[in-house]
Amino acid sequence: MENGARRMTRRNGYTLIEMVITLSIVIAMLGGTLGLVRLVRTSSKHASDAAIHRQEIRRLANDLRRDVGSAGAIEVVELRLILESTNDSRITYEFDSETWFSRSIKSADSKQIASDRYLIDERSQVKLRLQPISDENPETEPSLVELTITLPDRPSQPIQILAAPRMPN
């Protein structure tokens, strides 16, 4: 009977194999959770950066359209746009190959009146050119300012900003 009684006793606790399997499942779940959290953080940062860049481009477009609209003379030299204003001030837009467009306003005596910067992704490609409004007389007629910004996350969808001077009456 002693033999039969031994078989009927229950042991308390878990075996080493059960503990190892449980711990490996818990570790795998924690690793997956941490990876997912890292992915969400990275995605959130990219979305936030993209929103900031779009906001800066929108601000640049608004200022550019306003300044070109009130400009008397327009000149483009490489990635520099020079606007001679009707009130004897000079507005210069310049793309720095690092991360921004800069805008500076100087008076007729070359004193700095104002300056501003627009944050653009440093991997963006920028093109700046004058485009004739009509083909009839491109030398005497005002030109459109065409600014094209190709963002690295949207290479097939460049952002094109057109700014036109006010037409004389």
C-alpha atoms as a PDB file:
ATOM      1  CA  MET A   1       0.000   0.000   0.000  1.00  0.00           C
ATOM      2  CA  GLU A   2       2.840   2.254   0.528  1.00  0.00           C
ATOM      3  CA  ASN A   3       3.523   2.163  -3.189  1.00  0.00           C
ATOM      4  CA  GLY A   4      -0.078   3.083  -4.006  1.00  0.00           C
ATOM      5  CA  ALA A   5      -0.039   5.963  -1.554  1.00  0.00           C
ATOM      6  CA  ARG A   6       3.029   7.403  -3.168  1.00  0.00           C
ATOM      7  CA  ARG A   7       1.373   7.514  -6.526  1.00  0.00           C
ATOM      8  CA  MET A   8      -1.611   9.407  -5.168  1.00  0.00           C
ATOM      9  CA  THR A   9       0.359  12.250  -3.605  1.00  0.00           C
ATOM     10  CA  ARG A  10       0.324  15.544  -5.482  1.00  0.00           C
ATOM     11  CA  ARG A  11       3.352  17.610  -5.871  1.00  0.00           C
ATOM     12  CA  ASN A  12       3.155  21.386  -5.406  1.00  0.00           C
ATOM     13  CA  GLY A  13       4.833  23.918  -7.779  1.00  0.00           C
ATOM     14  CA  TYR A  14       5.961  23.899 -11.390  1.00  0.00           C
ATOM     15  CA  THR A  15       8.674  22.033 -13.180  1.00  0.00           C
ATOM     16  CA  LEU A  16      11.734  23.819 -14.490  1.00  0.00           C
ATOM     17  CA  ILE A  17      10.617  23.265 -18.090  1.00  0.00           C
ATOM     18  CA  GLU A  18       7.226  24.894 -17.431  1.00  0.00           C
ATOM     19  CA  MET A  19       8.954  27.938 -15.899  1.00  0.00           C
ATOM     20  CA  VAL A  20      11.394  28.276 -18.826  1.00  0.00           C
ATOM     21  CA  ILE A  21       8.577  28.055 -21.394  1.00  0.00           C
ATOM     22  CA  THR A  22       6.485  30.631 -19.512  1.00  0.00           C
ATOM     23  CA  LEU A  23       9.422  33.021 -19.163  1.00  0.00           C
ATOM     24  CA  SER A  24      10.301  32.709 -22.869  1.00  0.00           C
ATOM     25  CA  ILE A  25       6.702  33.493 -23.872  1.00  0.00           C
ATOM     26  CA  VAL A  26       6.635  36.535 -21.564  1.00  0.00           C
ATOM     27  CA  ILE A  27      10.009  37.774 -22.881  1.00  0.00           C
ATOM     28  CA  ALA A  28       8.876  37.340 -26.493  1.00  0.00           C
ATOM     29  CA  MET A  29       5.688  39.310 -25.774  1.00  0.00           C
ATOM     30  CA  LEU A  30       7.642  42.101 -24.053  1.00  0.00           C
ATOM     31  CA  GLY A  31      10.111  42.268 -26.938  1.00  0.00           C
ATOM     32  CA  GLY A  32       7.275  42.552 -29.452  1.00  0.00           C
ATOM     33  CA  THR A  33       5.595  45.246 -27.370  1.00  0.00           C
ATOM     34  CA  LEU A  34       8.801  47.282 -27.084  1.00  0.00           C
ATOM     35  CA  GLY A  35       9.361  46.980 -30.851  1.00  0.00           C
ATOM     36  CA  LEU A  36       5.821  48.166 -31.496  1.00  0.00           C
ATOM     37  CA  VAL A  37       6.257  51.134 -29.134  1.00  0.00           C
ATOM     38  CA  ARG A  38       9.485  52.108 -30.914  1.00  0.00           C
ATOM     39  CA  LEU A  39       7.743  51.878 -34.300  1.00  0.00           C
ATOM     40  CA  VAL A  40       4.864  54.070 -33.102  1.00  0.00           C
ATOM     41  CA  ARG A  41       7.277  56.681 -31.707  1.00  0.00           C
ATOM     42  CA  THR A  42       9.294  56.793 -34.927  1.00  0.00           C
ATOM     43  CA  SER A  43       6.142  57.070 -37.023  1.00  0.00           C
ATOM     44  CA  SER A  44       4.820  59.845 -34.790  1.00  0.00           C
ATOM     45  CA  LYS A  45       8.083  61.781 -35.074  1.00  0.00           C
ATOM     46  CA  HIS A  46       8.087  61.487 -38.881  1.00  0.00           C
ATOM     47  CA  ALA A  47       4.463  62.649 -39.033  1.00  0.00           C
ATOM     48  CA  SER A  48       5.223  65.581 -36.744  1.00  0.00           C
ATOM     49  CA  ASP A  49       8.287  66.589 -38.787  1.00  0.00           C
ATOM     50  CA  ALA A  50       6.307  66.349 -42.026  1.00  0.00           C
ATOM     51  CA  ALA A  51       3.558  68.556 -40.572  1.00  0.00           C
ATOM     52  CA  ILE A  52       6.126  71.170 -39.526  1.00  0.00           C
ATOM     53  CA  HIS A  53       7.717  71.146 -43.009  1.00  0.00           C
ATOM     54  CA  ARG A  54       4.313  71.519 -44.700  1.00  0.00           C
ATOM     55  CA  GLN A  55       3.441  74.403 -42.371  1.00  0.00           C
ATOM     56  CA  GLU A  56       6.747  76.135 -43.149  1.00  0.00           C
ATOM     57  CA  ILE A  57       6.252  75.662 -46.906  1.00  0.00           C
ATOM     58  CA  ARG A  58       2.735  77.126 -46.599  1.00  0.00           C
ATOM     59  CA  ARG A  59       4.140  80.132 -44.703  1.00  0.00           C
ATOM     60  CA  LEU A  60       6.883  80.539 -47.338  1.00  0.00           C
ATOM     61  CA  ALA A  61       4.295  80.401 -50.140  1.00  0.00           C
ATOM     62  CA  ASN A  62       2.115  83.049 -48.483  1.00  0.00           C
ATOM     63  CA  ASP A  63       5.029  85.439 -47.921  1.00  0.00           C
ATOM     64  CA  LEU A  64       6.445  84.828 -51.402  1.00  0.00           C
ATOM     65  CA  ARG A  65       3.115  85.524 -53.114  1.00  0.00           C
ATOM     66  CA  ARG A  66       2.593  88.704 -51.097  1.00  0.00           C
ATOM     67  CA  ASP A  67       6.126  89.995 -51.767  1.00  0.00           C
ATOM     68  CA  VAL A  68       6.118  89.145 -55.482  1.00  0.00           C
ATOM     69  CA  GLY A  69       2.678  90.723 -55.813  1.00  0.00           C
ATOM     70  CA  SER A  70       3.996  94.057 -54.561  1.00  0.00           C
ATOM     71  CA  ALA A  71       7.404  93.899 -56.288  1.00  0.00           C
ATOM     72  CA  GLY A  72       8.472  96.355 -58.941  1.00  0.00           C
ATOM     73  CA  ALA A  73      11.385  94.338 -60.361  1.00  0.00           C
ATOM     74  CA  ILE A  74      12.093  90.609 -60.067  1.00  0.00           C
ATOM     75  CA  GLU A  75      15.407  88.846 -60.591  1.00  0.00           C
ATOM     76  CA  VAL A  76      16.471  85.218 -60.067  1.00  0.00           C
ATOM     77  CA  VAL A  77      20.144  84.345 -59.630  1.00  0.00           C
ATOM     78  CA  GLU A  78      20.649  80.604 -58.998  1.00  0.00           C
ATOM     79  CA  LEU A  79      18.693  79.910 -55.781  1.00  0.00           C
ATOM     80  CA  ARG A  80      18.311  83.581 -54.883  1.00  0.00           C
ATOM     81  CA  LEU A  81      15.211  85.645 -55.647  1.00  0.00           C
ATOM     82  CA  ILE A  82      15.678  89.422 -55.500  1.00  0.00           C
ATOM     83  CA  LEU A  83      12.600  91.632 -55.391  1.00  0.00           C
ATOM     84  CA  GLU A  84      12.895  95.374 -55.734  1.00  0.00           C
ATOM     85  CA  SER A  85       9.891  96.807 -53.970  1.00  0.00           C
ATOM     86  CA  THR A  86       8.012  99.921 -55.000  1.00  0.00           C
ATOM     87  CA  ASN A  87       8.845 101.554 -51.634  1.00  0.00           C
ATOM     88  CA  ASP A  88      12.624 101.384 -52.278  1.00  0.00           C
ATOM     89  CA  SER A  89      13.248  98.260 -50.232  1.00  0.00           C
ATOM     90  CA  ARG A  90      14.882  95.061 -51.413  1.00  0.00           C
ATOM     91  CA  ILE A  91      13.532  91.642 -50.454  1.00  0.00           C
ATOM     92  CA  THR A  92      15.829  88.674 -50.960  1.00  0.00           C
ATOM     93  CA  TYR A  93      14.796  85.039 -50.734  1.00  0.00           C
ATOM     94  CA  GLU A  94      17.699  82.624 -50.600  1.00  0.00           C
ATOM     95  CA  PHE A  95      17.803  78.858 -50.259  1.00  0.00           C
ATOM     96  CA  ASP A  96      20.592  77.658 -48.035  1.00  0.00           C
ATOM     97  CA  SER A  97      21.573  74.138 -49.019  1.00  0.00           C
ATOM     98  CA  GLU A  98      21.341  73.113 -45.381  1.00  0.00           C
ATOM     99  CA  THR A  99      17.768  73.324 -44.119  1.00  0.00           C
ATOM    100  CA  TRP A 100      16.059  76.631 -44.775  1.00  0.00           C
ATOM    101  CA  PHE A 101      14.962  79.442 -47.008  1.00  0.00           C
ATOM    102  CA  SER A 102      15.848  82.824 -45.674  1.00  0.00           C
ATOM    103  CA  ARG A 103      14.027  86.067 -46.382  1.00  0.00           C
ATOM    104  CA  SER A 104      15.605  89.419 -45.707  1.00  0.00           C
ATOM    105  CA  ILE A 105      14.270  92.903 -46.252  1.00  0.00           C
ATOM    106  CA  LYS A 106      16.700  95.778 -46.594  1.00  0.00           C
ATOM    107  CA  SER A 107      15.995  99.466 -47.004  1.00  0.00           C
ATOM    108  CA  ALA A 108      17.356 101.583 -49.856  1.00  0.00           C
ATOM    109  CA  ASP A 109      20.421 102.400 -47.717  1.00  0.00           C
ATOM    110  CA  SER A 110      21.052  98.638 -47.145  1.00  0.00           C
ATOM    111  CA  LYS A 111      19.912  98.581 -43.520  1.00  0.00           C
ATOM    112  CA  GLN A 112      18.331  95.339 -42.408  1.00  0.00           C
ATOM    113  CA  ILE A 113      14.606  95.906 -41.803  1.00  0.00           C
ATOM    114  CA  ALA A 114      13.481  92.334 -41.197  1.00  0.00           C
ATOM    115  CA  SER A 115      14.535  88.746 -41.701  1.00  0.00           C
ATOM    116  CA  ASP A 116      12.872  85.379 -41.507  1.00  0.00           C
ATOM    117  CA  ARG A 117      13.678  81.709 -42.053  1.00  0.00           C
ATOM    118  CA  TYR A 118      11.554  78.850 -43.321  1.00  0.00           C
ATOM    119  CA  LEU A 119      12.560  75.360 -42.239  1.00  0.00           C
ATOM    120  CA  ILE A 120      12.725  72.935 -45.177  1.00  0.00           C
ATOM    121  CA  ASP A 121      13.880  69.303 -45.055  1.00  0.00           C
ATOM    122  CA  GLU A 122      17.588  69.298 -45.940  1.00  0.00           C
ATOM    123  CA  ARG A 123      17.094  66.370 -48.317  1.00  0.00           C
ATOM    124  CA  SER A 124      14.609  68.371 -50.405  1.00  0.00           C
ATOM    125  CA  GLN A 125      15.400  69.454 -53.932  1.00  0.00           C
ATOM    126  CA  VAL A 126      14.629  73.086 -54.736  1.00  0.00           C
ATOM    127  CA  LYS A 127      14.282  74.812 -58.114  1.00  0.00           C
ATOM    128  CA  LEU A 128      13.654  78.519 -58.548  1.00  0.00           C
ATOM    129  CA  ARG A 129      12.995  80.195 -61.898  1.00  0.00           C
ATOM    130  CA  LEU A 130      11.149  82.968 -63.666  1.00  0.00           C
ATOM    131  CA  GLN A 131       8.456  81.873 -66.060  1.00  0.00           C
ATOM    132  CA  PRO A 132       7.057  84.333 -68.650  1.00  0.00           C
ATOM    133  CA  ILE A 133       3.331  84.964 -68.263  1.00  0.00           C
ATOM    134  CA  SER A 134       2.830  85.094 -72.023  1.00  0.00           C
ATOM    135  CA  ASP A 135       4.906  84.378 -75.105  1.00  0.00           C
ATOM    136  CA  GLU A 136       4.066  87.692 -76.807  1.00  0.00           C
ATOM    137  CA  ASN A 137       6.698  89.919 -75.221  1.00  0.00           C
ATOM    138  CA  PRO A 138       8.524  88.100 -72.395  1.00  0.00           C
ATOM    139  CA  GLU A 139      11.180  90.830 -71.953  1.00  0.00           C
ATOM    140  CA  THR A 140       8.779  93.643 -71.079  1.00  0.00           C
ATOM    141  CA  GLU A 141       5.963  91.719 -69.395  1.00  0.00           C
ATOM    142  CA  PRO A 142       6.220  90.618 -65.778  1.00  0.00           C
ATOM    143  CA  SER A 143       7.098  87.009 -65.060  1.00  0.00           C
ATOM    144  CA  LEU A 144       5.765  84.407 -62.683  1.00  0.00           C
ATOM    145  CA  VAL A 145       8.096  83.211 -59.963  1.00  0.00           C
ATOM    146  CA  GLU A 146       8.059  79.418 -59.932  1.00  0.00           C
ATOM    147  CA  LEU A 147       9.411  77.670 -56.849  1.00  0.00           C
ATOM    148  CA  THR A 148       9.416  73.871 -56.896  1.00  0.00           C
ATOM    149  CA  ILE A 149      10.212  71.904 -53.743  1.00  0.00           C
ATOM    150  CA  THR A 150      10.546  68.130 -54.002  1.00  0.00           C
ATOM    151  CA  LEU A 151      10.348  66.530 -50.575  1.00  0.00           C
ATOM    152  CA  PRO A 152      12.247  63.258 -50.024  1.00  0.00           C
ATOM    153  CA  ASP A 153       9.148  61.370 -48.855  1.00  0.00           C
ATOM    154  CA  ARG A 154       7.140  62.473 -51.953  1.00  0.00           C
ATOM    155  CA  PRO A 155       9.563  62.531 -54.909  1.00  0.00           C
ATOM    156  CA  SER A 156       6.801  61.990 -57.471  1.00  0.00           C
ATOM    157  CA  GLN A 157       4.650  64.838 -56.073  1.00  0.00           C
ATOM    158  CA  PRO A 158       6.697  68.043 -55.981  1.00  0.00           C
ATOM    159  CA  ILE A 159       5.195  71.146 -54.412  1.00  0.00           C
ATOM    160  CA  GLN A 160       4.962  73.957 -56.926  1.00  0.00           C
ATOM    161  CA  ILE A 161       4.472  77.527 -55.758  1.00  0.00           C
ATOM    162  CA  LEU A 162       3.621  80.171 -58.345  1.00  0.00           C
ATOM    163  CA  ALA A 163       3.718  83.855 -57.458  1.00  0.00           C
ATOM    164  CA  ALA A 164       2.685  86.593 -59.881  1.00  0.00           C
ATOM    165  CA  PRO A 165       3.275  90.324 -59.724  1.00  0.00           C
ATOM    166  CA  ARG A 166       0.261  92.592 -59.859  1.00  0.00           C
ATOM    167  CA  MET A 167      -0.502  93.622 -63.401  1.00  0.00           C
ATOM    168  CA  PRO A 168      -0.351  97.355 -64.123  1.00  0.00           C
ATOM    169  CA  ASN A 169      -3.656  98.994 -64.970  1.00  0.00           C
END
